[in-house]
Amino acid sequence: MTPKTLFPIFALTLLAACGQQQSAEQPVPPQNGQAQTQVQTGSEAAGLSSETHSEAEIRAAENAPPPQKLTAVRSSLMGSNAGAATASGALGGTGSQLTGNITGLAAKETAQGLELDMSSDVLFDFDKAELKPEAVPVLEKAAEIIRAKGKGAVAVTGHTDSKGDDAYNQKLSLQRAEIVKKWFVEKGLANEFTVAGKGETEPVAENENSDGSDNPEGRAKNRRVGILVKTQEKIGAAKAEAASGTGASGTAK
């Protein structure tokens, strides 16, 4: 070949080599959003460098999940905690567990046993001793509690507010206690029942305000039928004697 022929070929070869070198030095642009996410969530995004952090710390930062994944995990954990708190609230106190959403019935544990209070306004009409239809759910729930918890005698006591004659209120409260006991017996409760009427003598709220005016809310709380459910077995004869301070001869020590 002549020099004129070789020169173009040489020039083309040189240009091709330069182009390849330039392409190798150019940074490769990200192919998709995932590559950018990896850079943002790697060691640079975490503020780590080889001068101040170990290789293991940098590697851990580069392998860390993206922020959106961490947010989802936190949200999941928060939801689980909220569910646990809701469950804990649903388990509430003993009274809430026993009475549920039954209006007119409240329960509480005492040293004497389980005390149930049923609103007379739910059980009876004004100045009456006949059960209203609305009384049935309350009495059924009370009977359920007695079956489950009762291990001894069940005391049923009627109470009124301070309106009216004392003797009349005492009689009405006793009649209402008798009616409640009768309902329990008719429903098959085999417990030993005692009944009493206390009238207005054992209020749980003030019948009057401090200025002497009427207190309707307080009087409504006082109109009730209380039930004391013994939750412990009867004490044996020997234990009863020991508690009363008598020996085998029956004489006081």
C-alpha atoms as a PDB file:
ATOM      1  CA  MET A   1       0.000   0.000   0.000  1.00  0.00           C
ATOM      2  CA  THR A   2       1.060   3.568  -0.606  1.00  0.00           C
ATOM      3  CA  PRO A   3       1.449   6.094   2.248  1.00  0.00           C
ATOM      4  CA  LYS A   4      -1.679   7.847   1.029  1.00  0.00           C
ATOM      5  CA  THR A   5      -3.661   4.643   1.445  1.00  0.00           C
ATOM      6  CA  LEU A   6      -2.260   3.812   4.890  1.00  0.00           C
ATOM      7  CA  PHE A   7      -2.881   7.234   6.410  1.00  0.00           C
ATOM      8  CA  PRO A   8      -6.724   7.090   6.418  1.00  0.00           C
ATOM      9  CA  ILE A   9      -6.654   3.610   7.918  1.00  0.00           C
ATOM     10  CA  PHE A  10      -4.274   4.715  10.662  1.00  0.00           C
ATOM     11  CA  ALA A  11      -6.400   7.769  11.412  1.00  0.00           C
ATOM     12  CA  LEU A  12      -9.581   5.728  11.709  1.00  0.00           C
ATOM     13  CA  THR A  13      -7.881   3.216  14.058  1.00  0.00           C
ATOM     14  CA  LEU A  14      -6.614   6.012  16.301  1.00  0.00           C
ATOM     15  CA  LEU A  15     -10.021   7.672  16.540  1.00  0.00           C
ATOM     16  CA  ALA A  16     -11.700   4.368  17.444  1.00  0.00           C
ATOM     17  CA  ALA A  17      -9.196   3.732  20.263  1.00  0.00           C
ATOM     18  CA  CYS A  18      -9.761   7.189  21.741  1.00  0.00           C
ATOM     19  CA  GLY A  19     -13.518   6.684  21.651  1.00  0.00           C
ATOM     20  CA  GLN A  20     -13.258   3.425  23.564  1.00  0.00           C
ATOM     21  CA  GLN A  21     -11.040   5.034  26.231  1.00  0.00           C
ATOM     22  CA  GLN A  22     -13.435   7.907  26.680  1.00  0.00           C
ATOM     23  CA  SER A  23     -16.434   5.562  27.024  1.00  0.00           C
ATOM     24  CA  ALA A  24     -14.686   3.537  29.705  1.00  0.00           C
ATOM     25  CA  GLU A  25     -14.050   6.637  31.850  1.00  0.00           C
ATOM     26  CA  GLN A  26     -17.610   7.995  31.666  1.00  0.00           C
ATOM     27  CA  PRO A  27     -19.859   7.059  34.652  1.00  0.00           C
ATOM     28  CA  VAL A  28     -22.700   4.709  33.804  1.00  0.00           C
ATOM     29  CA  PRO A  29     -26.034   6.478  34.394  1.00  0.00           C
ATOM     30  CA  PRO A  30     -28.555   4.762  36.667  1.00  0.00           C
ATOM     31  CA  GLN A  31     -30.719   2.306  34.791  1.00  0.00           C
ATOM     32  CA  ASN A  32     -33.742   2.701  37.040  1.00  0.00           C
ATOM     33  CA  GLY A  33     -34.996   4.189  40.309  1.00  0.00           C
ATOM     34  CA  GLN A  34     -33.734   1.178  42.266  1.00  0.00           C
ATOM     35  CA  ALA A  35     -30.093   2.126  41.725  1.00  0.00           C
ATOM     36  CA  GLN A  36     -30.803   5.605  43.052  1.00  0.00           C
ATOM     37  CA  THR A  37     -32.538   4.187  46.095  1.00  0.00           C
ATOM     38  CA  GLN A  38     -29.543   1.990  46.844  1.00  0.00           C
ATOM     39  CA  VAL A  39     -27.237   5.012  46.771  1.00  0.00           C
ATOM     40  CA  GLN A  40     -29.535   7.024  49.048  1.00  0.00           C
ATOM     41  CA  THR A  41     -29.928   4.250  51.583  1.00  0.00           C
ATOM     42  CA  GLY A  42     -26.253   3.132  51.562  1.00  0.00           C
ATOM     43  CA  SER A  43     -23.302   4.238  53.627  1.00  0.00           C
ATOM     44  CA  GLU A  44     -23.236   7.730  52.082  1.00  0.00           C
ATOM     45  CA  ALA A  45     -26.864   8.391  53.036  1.00  0.00           C
ATOM     46  CA  ALA A  46     -26.086   7.166  56.540  1.00  0.00           C
ATOM     47  CA  GLY A  47     -23.179   9.619  56.796  1.00  0.00           C
ATOM     48  CA  LEU A  48     -20.516   6.897  57.131  1.00  0.00           C
ATOM     49  CA  SER A  49     -16.970   7.048  55.767  1.00  0.00           C
ATOM     50  CA  SER A  50     -13.945   4.752  55.889  1.00  0.00           C
ATOM     51  CA  GLU A  51     -12.046   7.352  57.916  1.00  0.00           C
ATOM     52  CA  THR A  52     -14.386   7.302  60.926  1.00  0.00           C
ATOM     53  CA  HIS A  53     -16.232   3.954  60.676  1.00  0.00           C
ATOM     54  CA  SER A  54     -15.243   0.333  60.340  1.00  0.00           C
ATOM     55  CA  GLU A  55     -15.794  -1.757  57.259  1.00  0.00           C
ATOM     56  CA  ALA A  56     -18.500  -3.780  59.089  1.00  0.00           C
ATOM     57  CA  GLU A  57     -20.451  -0.617  59.959  1.00  0.00           C
ATOM     58  CA  ILE A  58     -20.302   0.614  56.383  1.00  0.00           C
ATOM     59  CA  ARG A  59     -21.416  -2.795  55.069  1.00  0.00           C
ATOM     60  CA  ALA A  60     -24.346  -2.865  57.514  1.00  0.00           C
ATOM     61  CA  ALA A  61     -25.450   0.596  56.379  1.00  0.00           C
ATOM     62  CA  GLU A  62     -25.268  -0.424  52.716  1.00  0.00           C
ATOM     63  CA  ASN A  63     -27.423  -3.490  53.406  1.00  0.00           C
ATOM     64  CA  ALA A  64     -30.001  -1.579  55.468  1.00  0.00           C
ATOM     65  CA  PRO A  65     -33.607  -1.647  54.136  1.00  0.00           C
ATOM     66  CA  PRO A  66     -34.961   1.473  52.429  1.00  0.00           C
ATOM     67  CA  PRO A  67     -36.784   4.035  54.617  1.00  0.00           C
ATOM     68  CA  GLN A  68     -40.203   3.105  53.288  1.00  0.00           C
ATOM     69  CA  LYS A  69     -39.714  -0.480  54.467  1.00  0.00           C
ATOM     70  CA  LEU A  70     -38.649   0.690  57.919  1.00  0.00           C
ATOM     71  CA  THR A  71     -41.735   2.921  58.073  1.00  0.00           C
ATOM     72  CA  ALA A  72     -43.973  -0.038  57.240  1.00  0.00           C
ATOM     73  CA  VAL A  73     -42.336  -2.122  59.937  1.00  0.00           C
ATOM     74  CA  ARG A  74     -42.782   0.649  62.517  1.00  0.00           C
ATOM     75  CA  SER A  75     -46.438   1.045  61.501  1.00  0.00           C
ATOM     76  CA  SER A  76     -46.990  -2.695  61.877  1.00  0.00           C
ATOM     77  CA  LEU A  77     -45.446  -2.691  65.335  1.00  0.00           C
ATOM     78  CA  MET A  78     -47.493   0.318  66.399  1.00  0.00           C
ATOM     79  CA  GLY A  79     -50.642  -1.423  65.171  1.00  0.00           C
ATOM     80  CA  SER A  80     -49.776  -4.523  67.178  1.00  0.00           C
ATOM     81  CA  ASN A  81     -49.200  -2.446  70.304  1.00  0.00           C
ATOM     82  CA  ALA A  82     -52.498  -0.662  69.804  1.00  0.00           C
ATOM     83  CA  GLY A  83     -54.245  -4.018  69.451  1.00  0.00           C
ATOM     84  CA  ALA A  84     -52.645  -5.241  72.666  1.00  0.00           C
ATOM     85  CA  ALA A  85     -53.725  -2.077  74.474  1.00  0.00           C
ATOM     86  CA  THR A  86     -57.278  -2.536  73.193  1.00  0.00           C
ATOM     87  CA  ALA A  87     -57.275  -6.132  74.362  1.00  0.00           C
ATOM     88  CA  SER A  88     -55.941  -5.060  77.736  1.00  0.00           C
ATOM     89  CA  GLY A  89     -58.693  -2.425  78.036  1.00  0.00           C
ATOM     90  CA  ALA A  90     -61.332  -5.005  77.104  1.00  0.00           C
ATOM     91  CA  LEU A  91     -60.179  -7.171  79.979  1.00  0.00           C
ATOM     92  CA  GLY A  92     -60.844  -4.273  82.411  1.00  0.00           C
ATOM     93  CA  GLY A  93     -61.784  -4.753  86.054  1.00  0.00           C
ATOM     94  CA  THR A  94     -63.818  -7.557  87.571  1.00  0.00           C
ATOM     95  CA  GLY A  95     -67.023  -5.534  87.577  1.00  0.00           C
ATOM     96  CA  SER A  96     -66.754  -4.768  83.854  1.00  0.00           C
ATOM     97  CA  GLN A  97     -66.058  -8.394  82.973  1.00  0.00           C
ATOM     98  CA  LEU A  98     -69.022  -9.656  84.981  1.00  0.00           C
ATOM     99  CA  THR A  99     -71.684  -7.157  83.987  1.00  0.00           C
ATOM    100  CA  GLY A 100     -70.637  -6.426  80.415  1.00  0.00           C
ATOM    101  CA  ASN A 101     -73.018  -3.940  78.775  1.00  0.00           C
ATOM    102  CA  ILE A 102     -76.046  -4.779  80.939  1.00  0.00           C
ATOM    103  CA  THR A 103     -77.691  -1.509  81.968  1.00  0.00           C
ATOM    104  CA  GLY A 104     -78.795  -1.347  85.588  1.00  0.00           C
ATOM    105  CA  LEU A 105     -76.344  -3.938  86.956  1.00  0.00           C
ATOM    106  CA  ALA A 106     -73.013  -3.294  88.685  1.00  0.00           C
ATOM    107  CA  ALA A 107     -70.645  -5.708  90.433  1.00  0.00           C
ATOM    108  CA  LYS A 108     -67.672  -5.424  92.738  1.00  0.00           C
ATOM    109  CA  GLU A 109     -65.525  -7.759  94.819  1.00  0.00           C
ATOM    110  CA  THR A 110     -65.513  -7.202  98.582  1.00  0.00           C
ATOM    111  CA  ALA A 111     -64.150  -9.014 101.618  1.00  0.00           C
ATOM    112  CA  GLN A 112     -67.613 -10.490 102.177  1.00  0.00           C
ATOM    113  CA  GLY A 113     -67.993 -11.754  98.626  1.00  0.00           C
ATOM    114  CA  LEU A 114     -69.322 -10.448  95.322  1.00  0.00           C
ATOM    115  CA  GLU A 115     -71.755  -7.528  95.574  1.00  0.00           C
ATOM    116  CA  LEU A 116     -74.283  -6.932  92.792  1.00  0.00           C
ATOM    117  CA  ASP A 117     -76.393  -3.786  92.636  1.00  0.00           C
ATOM    118  CA  MET A 118     -79.483  -3.728  90.421  1.00  0.00           C
ATOM    119  CA  SER A 119     -81.322  -0.469  89.803  1.00  0.00           C
ATOM    120  CA  SER A 120     -84.888  -0.527  91.109  1.00  0.00           C
ATOM    121  CA  ASP A 121     -85.830   1.881  88.322  1.00  0.00           C
ATOM    122  CA  VAL A 122     -84.873  -0.833  85.797  1.00  0.00           C
ATOM    123  CA  LEU A 123     -86.565  -3.634  87.740  1.00  0.00           C
ATOM    124  CA  PHE A 124     -89.776  -1.948  88.885  1.00  0.00           C
ATOM    125  CA  ASP A 125     -92.191   0.851  88.041  1.00  0.00           C
ATOM    126  CA  PHE A 126     -92.525   3.713  90.522  1.00  0.00           C
ATOM    127  CA  ASP A 127     -94.052   2.601  93.846  1.00  0.00           C
ATOM    128  CA  LYS A 128     -94.564  -0.961  92.509  1.00  0.00           C
ATOM    129  CA  ALA A 129     -93.202  -4.389  93.361  1.00  0.00           C
ATOM    130  CA  GLU A 130     -93.944  -6.149  90.044  1.00  0.00           C
ATOM    131  CA  LEU A 131     -91.032  -6.800  87.696  1.00  0.00           C
ATOM    132  CA  LYS A 132     -90.951  -4.895  84.410  1.00  0.00           C
ATOM    133  CA  PRO A 133     -90.067  -6.638  81.103  1.00  0.00           C
ATOM    134  CA  GLU A 134     -86.837  -4.613  81.058  1.00  0.00           C
ATOM    135  CA  ALA A 135     -85.804  -6.396  84.252  1.00  0.00           C
ATOM    136  CA  VAL A 136     -85.336  -9.771  82.567  1.00  0.00           C
ATOM    137  CA  PRO A 137     -81.867  -9.194  80.990  1.00  0.00           C
ATOM    138  CA  VAL A 138     -80.581  -7.769  84.294  1.00  0.00           C
ATOM    139  CA  LEU A 139     -81.906 -10.673  86.344  1.00  0.00           C
ATOM    140  CA  GLU A 140     -80.639 -13.239  83.828  1.00  0.00           C
ATOM    141  CA  LYS A 141     -77.135 -11.784  84.007  1.00  0.00           C
ATOM    142  CA  ALA A 142     -77.269 -11.749  87.803  1.00  0.00           C
ATOM    143  CA  ALA A 143     -78.402 -15.386  87.809  1.00  0.00           C
ATOM    144  CA  GLU A 144     -75.515 -16.289  85.513  1.00  0.00           C
ATOM    145  CA  ILE A 145     -73.056 -14.680  87.928  1.00  0.00           C
ATOM    146  CA  ILE A 146     -74.597 -16.447  90.916  1.00  0.00           C
ATOM    147  CA  ARG A 147     -74.305 -19.815  89.152  1.00  0.00           C
ATOM    148  CA  ALA A 148     -70.682 -19.198  88.280  1.00  0.00           C
ATOM    149  CA  LYS A 149     -69.465 -17.564  91.488  1.00  0.00           C
ATOM    150  CA  GLY A 150     -71.864 -18.515  94.263  1.00  0.00           C
ATOM    151  CA  LYS A 151     -70.509 -21.039  96.788  1.00  0.00           C
ATOM    152  CA  GLY A 152     -72.665 -20.149  99.760  1.00  0.00           C
ATOM    153  CA  ALA A 153     -75.745 -18.195 100.779  1.00  0.00           C
ATOM    154  CA  VAL A 154     -77.073 -15.365  98.622  1.00  0.00           C
ATOM    155  CA  ALA A 155     -78.481 -12.319 100.423  1.00  0.00           C
ATOM    156  CA  VAL A 156     -81.043 -10.175  98.572  1.00  0.00           C
ATOM    157  CA  THR A 157     -81.705  -6.745 100.071  1.00  0.00           C
ATOM    158  CA  GLY A 158     -84.084  -4.030  98.889  1.00  0.00           C
ATOM    159  CA  HIS A 159     -83.349  -0.285  99.273  1.00  0.00           C
ATOM    160  CA  THR A 160     -85.324   2.906  98.582  1.00  0.00           C
ATOM    161  CA  ASP A 161     -84.656   6.624  98.544  1.00  0.00           C
ATOM    162  CA  SER A 162     -85.779   8.984 101.316  1.00  0.00           C
ATOM    163  CA  LYS A 163     -89.057  10.051  99.728  1.00  0.00           C
ATOM    164  CA  GLY A 164     -92.134   8.922 101.638  1.00  0.00           C
ATOM    165  CA  ASP A 165     -92.806   7.347 105.009  1.00  0.00           C
ATOM    166  CA  ASP A 166     -90.002   5.314 106.596  1.00  0.00           C
ATOM    167  CA  ALA A 167     -92.225   2.337 107.404  1.00  0.00           C
ATOM    168  CA  TYR A 168     -93.716   2.329 103.928  1.00  0.00           C
ATOM    169  CA  ASN A 169     -90.283   2.434 102.316  1.00  0.00           C
ATOM    170  CA  GLN A 170     -89.081  -0.449 104.464  1.00  0.00           C
ATOM    171  CA  LYS A 171     -92.103  -2.548 103.463  1.00  0.00           C
ATOM    172  CA  LEU A 172     -91.699  -1.737  99.751  1.00  0.00           C
ATOM    173  CA  SER A 173     -87.993  -2.579  99.812  1.00  0.00           C
ATOM    174  CA  LEU A 174     -88.724  -5.970 101.427  1.00  0.00           C
ATOM    175  CA  GLN A 175     -91.427  -6.762  98.866  1.00  0.00           C
ATOM    176  CA  ARG A 176     -89.043  -6.031  96.023  1.00  0.00           C
ATOM    177  CA  ALA A 177     -86.340  -8.240  97.542  1.00  0.00           C
ATOM    178  CA  GLU A 178     -88.861 -11.068  97.863  1.00  0.00           C
ATOM    179  CA  ILE A 179     -89.893 -10.704  94.224  1.00  0.00           C
ATOM    180  CA  VAL A 180     -86.258 -10.888  93.043  1.00  0.00           C
ATOM    181  CA  LYS A 181     -85.574 -13.961  95.184  1.00  0.00           C
ATOM    182  CA  LYS A 182     -88.720 -15.642  93.839  1.00  0.00           C
ATOM    183  CA  TRP A 183     -87.581 -15.019  90.267  1.00  0.00           C
ATOM    184  CA  PHE A 184     -84.185 -16.642  90.954  1.00  0.00           C
ATOM    185  CA  VAL A 185     -85.795 -19.695  92.566  1.00  0.00           C
ATOM    186  CA  GLU A 186     -88.226 -20.098  89.675  1.00  0.00           C
ATOM    187  CA  LYS A 187     -85.287 -20.039  87.267  1.00  0.00           C
ATOM    188  CA  GLY A 188     -83.741 -23.013  89.033  1.00  0.00           C
ATOM    189  CA  LEU A 189     -81.133 -21.455  91.311  1.00  0.00           C
ATOM    190  CA  ALA A 190     -80.676 -23.861  94.209  1.00  0.00           C
ATOM    191  CA  ASN A 191     -78.691 -21.485  96.410  1.00  0.00           C
ATOM    192  CA  GLU A 192     -79.753 -20.675  99.941  1.00  0.00           C
ATOM    193  CA  PHE A 193     -81.407 -17.221  99.828  1.00  0.00           C
ATOM    194  CA  THR A 194     -82.048 -14.675 102.543  1.00  0.00           C
ATOM    195  CA  VAL A 195     -84.099 -11.507 102.011  1.00  0.00           C
ATOM    196  CA  ALA A 196     -84.263  -8.180 103.799  1.00  0.00           C
ATOM    197  CA  GLY A 197     -85.692  -4.707 103.328  1.00  0.00           C
ATOM    198  CA  LYS A 198     -83.596  -1.728 104.435  1.00  0.00           C
ATOM    199  CA  GLY A 199     -85.837   1.052 103.173  1.00  0.00           C
ATOM    200  CA  GLU A 200     -83.920   4.340 103.168  1.00  0.00           C
ATOM    201  CA  THR A 201     -81.514   3.454 105.992  1.00  0.00           C
ATOM    202  CA  GLU A 202     -78.463   2.508 103.884  1.00  0.00           C
ATOM    203  CA  PRO A 203     -78.069   5.112 101.113  1.00  0.00           C
ATOM    204  CA  VAL A 204     -75.086   4.998  98.750  1.00  0.00           C
ATOM    205  CA  ALA A 205     -75.569   8.624  97.657  1.00  0.00           C
ATOM    206  CA  GLU A 206     -77.006  11.856  99.084  1.00  0.00           C
ATOM    207  CA  ASN A 207     -80.758  12.172  98.745  1.00  0.00           C
ATOM    208  CA  GLU A 208     -80.453  15.957  99.095  1.00  0.00           C
ATOM    209  CA  ASN A 209     -77.880  18.519  98.049  1.00  0.00           C
ATOM    210  CA  SER A 210     -75.876  20.490 100.606  1.00  0.00           C
ATOM    211  CA  ASP A 211     -78.343  23.385 100.355  1.00  0.00           C
ATOM    212  CA  GLY A 212     -81.273  21.117 101.205  1.00  0.00           C
ATOM    213  CA  SER A 213     -82.616  20.905  97.653  1.00  0.00           C
ATOM    214  CA  ASP A 214     -83.635  17.608  96.063  1.00  0.00           C
ATOM    215  CA  ASN A 215     -80.924  15.425  94.496  1.00  0.00           C
ATOM    216  CA  PRO A 216     -82.685  13.252  91.889  1.00  0.00           C
ATOM    217  CA  GLU A 217     -79.472  11.554  90.735  1.00  0.00           C
ATOM    218  CA  GLY A 218     -78.537  10.572  94.277  1.00  0.00           C
ATOM    219  CA  ARG A 219     -82.006   9.243  95.004  1.00  0.00           C
ATOM    220  CA  ALA A 220     -81.925   7.153  91.805  1.00  0.00           C
ATOM    221  CA  LYS A 221     -78.716   5.477  93.006  1.00  0.00           C
ATOM    222  CA  ASN A 222     -80.335   4.669  96.339  1.00  0.00           C
ATOM    223  CA  ARG A 223     -83.310   2.902  94.731  1.00  0.00           C
ATOM    224  CA  ARG A 224     -81.761  -0.512  94.238  1.00  0.00           C
ATOM    225  CA  VAL A 225     -81.775  -4.210  95.051  1.00  0.00           C
ATOM    226  CA  GLY A 226     -78.458  -5.442  96.368  1.00  0.00           C
ATOM    227  CA  ILE A 227     -77.246  -9.031  96.137  1.00  0.00           C
ATOM    228  CA  LEU A 228     -74.355 -10.389  98.164  1.00  0.00           C
ATOM    229  CA  VAL A 229     -72.968 -13.603  96.675  1.00  0.00           C
ATOM    230  CA  LYS A 230     -70.759 -15.615  98.986  1.00  0.00           C
ATOM    231  CA  THR A 231     -67.833 -16.817  96.897  1.00  0.00           C
ATOM    232  CA  GLN A 232     -66.255 -19.033  99.583  1.00  0.00           C
ATOM    233  CA  GLU A 233     -67.407 -22.356 100.977  1.00  0.00           C
ATOM    234  CA  LYS A 234     -68.923 -22.437 104.460  1.00  0.00           C
ATOM    235  CA  ILE A 235     -66.420 -22.760 107.286  1.00  0.00           C
ATOM    236  CA  GLY A 236     -66.338 -26.233 108.843  1.00  0.00           C
ATOM    237  CA  ALA A 237     -67.572 -26.833 112.366  1.00  0.00           C
ATOM    238  CA  ALA A 238     -64.063 -27.206 113.790  1.00  0.00           C
ATOM    239  CA  LYS A 239     -62.875 -23.991 112.172  1.00  0.00           C
ATOM    240  CA  ALA A 240     -66.000 -22.181 113.354  1.00  0.00           C
ATOM    241  CA  GLU A 241     -65.343 -23.293 116.910  1.00  0.00           C
ATOM    242  CA  ALA A 242     -61.714 -22.194 116.718  1.00  0.00           C
ATOM    243  CA  ALA A 243     -62.735 -18.794 115.362  1.00  0.00           C
ATOM    244  CA  SER A 244     -65.301 -18.299 118.120  1.00  0.00           C
ATOM    245  CA  GLY A 245     -62.766 -19.185 120.839  1.00  0.00           C
ATOM    246  CA  THR A 246     -64.486 -22.353 122.096  1.00  0.00           C
ATOM    247  CA  GLY A 247     -62.725 -25.617 122.831  1.00  0.00           C
ATOM    248  CA  ALA A 248     -63.913 -29.218 122.642  1.00  0.00           C
ATOM    249  CA  SER A 249     -66.122 -28.712 125.707  1.00  0.00           C
ATOM    250  CA  GLY A 250     -67.869 -25.785 124.075  1.00  0.00           C
ATOM    251  CA  THR A 251     -66.927 -23.329 126.810  1.00  0.00           C
ATOM    252  CA  ALA A 252     -65.247 -20.005 126.068  1.00  0.00           C
ATOM    253  CA  LYS A 253     -61.548 -19.835 126.726  1.00  0.00           C
END
